[in-house]
């Protein structure tokens, strides 16, 4: 049960982070340091999500 809740939480966090990252990339460009930071944070969330599978 806890694993399922964690997975749902991570999935929601991933979607939020992804949307923010794409908006920032559209405004600032894909190589801007802020966009790169969001990308790295998204990688961490995706890795956590995959470990819960």
N, C-alpha and C. Protein backbone atom coordinates (compact mmCIF):
# COMPACT_ATOMS: atom_id res chain seq x y z
N UNK A 1 0.83 -1.21 0.00
CA UNK A 1 0.00 0.00 0.00
C UNK A 1 0.86 1.26 0.00
N UNK A 2 1.87 1.27 0.88
CA UNK A 2 2.76 2.43 0.96
C UNK A 2 3.50 2.60 -0.36
N UNK A 3 3.92 1.47 -0.94
CA UNK A 3 4.63 1.51 -2.22
C UNK A 3 3.76 2.11 -3.32
N UNK A 4 2.49 1.76 -3.32
CA UNK A 4 1.56 2.30 -4.31
C UNK A 4 1.37 3.80 -4.13
N UNK A 5 1.24 4.24 -2.89
CA UNK A 5 1.09 5.67 -2.62
C UNK A 5 2.34 6.44 -3.00
N UNK A 6 3.51 5.87 -2.71
CA UNK A 6 4.77 6.49 -3.08
C UNK A 6 4.87 6.62 -4.59
N UNK A 7 4.49 5.57 -5.30
CA UNK A 7 4.53 5.57 -6.76
C UNK A 7 3.61 6.65 -7.33
N UNK A 8 2.42 6.78 -6.78
CA UNK A 8 1.47 7.79 -7.25
C UNK A 8 2.00 9.19 -6.97
N UNK A 9 2.59 9.38 -5.80
CA UNK A 9 3.17 10.67 -5.45
C UNK A 9 4.32 11.03 -6.40
N UNK A 10 5.21 10.07 -6.63
CA UNK A 10 6.34 10.32 -7.53
C UNK A 10 5.86 10.62 -8.95
N UNK A 11 4.85 9.91 -9.40
CA UNK A 11 4.31 10.13 -10.75
C UNK A 11 3.78 11.56 -10.88
N UNK A 12 3.08 12.03 -9.86
CA UNK A 12 2.56 13.40 -9.88
C UNK A 12 3.70 14.41 -9.85
N UNK A 13 4.71 14.17 -9.02
CA UNK A 13 5.87 15.06 -8.94
C UNK A 13 6.62 15.10 -10.28
N UNK A 14 6.73 13.96 -10.93
CA UNK A 14 7.40 13.89 -12.23
C UNK A 14 6.66 14.75 -13.25
N UNK A 15 5.36 14.62 -13.28
CA UNK A 15 4.57 15.41 -14.25
C UNK A 15 4.71 16.91 -14.00
N UNK A 16 4.65 17.30 -12.74
CA UNK A 16 4.79 18.72 -12.40
C UNK A 16 6.16 19.24 -12.81
N UNK A 17 7.20 18.50 -12.44
CA UNK A 17 8.58 18.90 -12.75
C UNK A 17 8.79 18.96 -14.27
N UNK A 18 8.23 18.01 -15.00
CA UNK A 18 8.37 17.96 -16.45
C UNK A 18 7.71 19.17 -17.11
N UNK A 19 6.52 19.49 -16.65
CA UNK A 19 5.82 20.65 -17.23
C UNK A 19 6.57 21.95 -16.97
N UNK A 20 7.06 22.11 -15.75
CA UNK A 20 7.82 23.31 -15.42
C UNK A 20 9.08 23.38 -16.28
N UNK A 21 9.77 22.24 -16.40
CA UNK A 21 11.00 22.20 -17.18
C UNK A 21 10.75 22.60 -18.64
N UNK A 22 9.70 22.07 -19.25
CA UNK A 22 9.41 22.41 -20.64
C UNK A 22 9.05 23.87 -20.80
N UNK A 23 8.32 24.41 -19.84
CA UNK A 23 7.97 25.84 -19.93
C UNK A 23 9.23 26.69 -19.82
N UNK A 24 10.09 26.35 -18.85
CA UNK A 24 11.35 27.09 -18.71
C UNK A 24 12.22 26.95 -19.96
N UNK A 25 12.25 25.76 -20.54
CA UNK A 25 13.05 25.53 -21.75
C UNK A 25 12.52 26.36 -22.91
N UNK A 26 11.21 26.47 -23.00
CA UNK A 26 10.61 27.29 -24.06
C UNK A 26 10.99 28.75 -23.89
N UNK A 27 11.00 29.22 -22.65
CA UNK A 27 11.30 30.63 -22.37
C UNK A 27 12.80 30.94 -22.40
N UNK A 28 13.61 30.00 -21.89
CA UNK A 28 15.03 30.28 -21.68
C UNK A 28 15.97 29.52 -22.61
N UNK A 29 15.48 28.43 -23.20
CA UNK A 29 16.33 27.58 -24.03
C UNK A 29 16.74 26.34 -23.24
N UNK A 30 16.98 25.26 -23.98
CA UNK A 30 17.24 23.98 -23.33
C UNK A 30 18.57 23.92 -22.60
N UNK A 31 19.51 24.79 -22.93
CA UNK A 31 20.82 24.72 -22.29
C UNK A 31 20.99 25.70 -21.13
N UNK A 32 19.95 26.44 -20.81
CA UNK A 32 20.02 27.39 -19.70
C UNK A 32 20.23 26.62 -18.39
N UNK A 33 21.07 27.13 -17.49
CA UNK A 33 21.35 26.41 -16.23
C UNK A 33 20.11 26.05 -15.41
N UNK A 34 19.11 26.89 -15.42
CA UNK A 34 17.88 26.59 -14.67
C UNK A 34 17.19 25.36 -15.26
N UNK A 35 17.16 25.30 -16.58
CA UNK A 35 16.52 24.16 -17.27
C UNK A 35 17.32 22.89 -17.00
N UNK A 36 18.63 23.00 -17.02
CA UNK A 36 19.48 21.84 -16.73
C UNK A 36 19.24 21.36 -15.30
N UNK A 37 19.10 22.27 -14.36
CA UNK A 37 18.80 21.89 -12.97
C UNK A 37 17.48 21.13 -12.89
N UNK A 38 16.45 21.64 -13.57
CA UNK A 38 15.16 20.94 -13.56
C UNK A 38 15.29 19.55 -14.18
N UNK A 39 16.07 19.44 -15.24
CA UNK A 39 16.29 18.16 -15.90
C UNK A 39 16.95 17.17 -14.95
N UNK A 40 17.93 17.62 -14.20
CA UNK A 40 18.62 16.76 -13.25
C UNK A 40 17.69 16.34 -12.11
N UNK A 41 16.86 17.26 -11.65
CA UNK A 41 15.89 16.93 -10.60
C UNK A 41 14.88 15.90 -11.12
N UNK A 42 14.49 16.07 -12.38
CA UNK A 42 13.57 15.12 -13.00
C UNK A 42 14.21 13.74 -13.10
N UNK A 43 15.49 13.69 -13.44
CA UNK A 43 16.21 12.41 -13.49
C UNK A 43 16.17 11.71 -12.15
N UNK A 44 16.38 12.45 -11.08
CA UNK A 44 16.36 11.87 -9.74
C UNK A 44 14.98 11.28 -9.44
N UNK A 45 13.93 12.03 -9.75
CA UNK A 45 12.57 11.55 -9.51
C UNK A 45 12.27 10.30 -10.34
N UNK A 46 12.71 10.30 -11.59
CA UNK A 46 12.47 9.15 -12.46
C UNK A 46 13.20 7.91 -11.92
N UNK A 47 14.42 8.10 -11.45
CA UNK A 47 15.16 6.97 -10.87
C UNK A 47 14.47 6.43 -9.63
N UNK A 48 13.97 7.31 -8.78
CA UNK A 48 13.22 6.86 -7.59
C UNK A 48 11.97 6.10 -8.01
N UNK A 49 11.27 6.60 -9.02
CA UNK A 49 10.06 5.96 -9.50
C UNK A 49 10.37 4.56 -10.01
N UNK A 50 11.44 4.43 -10.77
CA UNK A 50 11.79 3.13 -11.32
C UNK A 50 12.20 2.15 -10.24
N UNK A 51 12.79 2.62 -9.16
CA UNK A 51 13.20 1.75 -8.06
C UNK A 51 11.99 1.21 -7.29
N UNK A 52 10.85 1.92 -7.35
CA UNK A 52 9.65 1.47 -6.65
C UNK A 52 8.91 0.40 -7.45
N UNK A 53 9.29 0.22 -8.69
CA UNK A 53 8.60 -0.76 -9.56
C UNK A 53 8.96 -2.18 -9.21
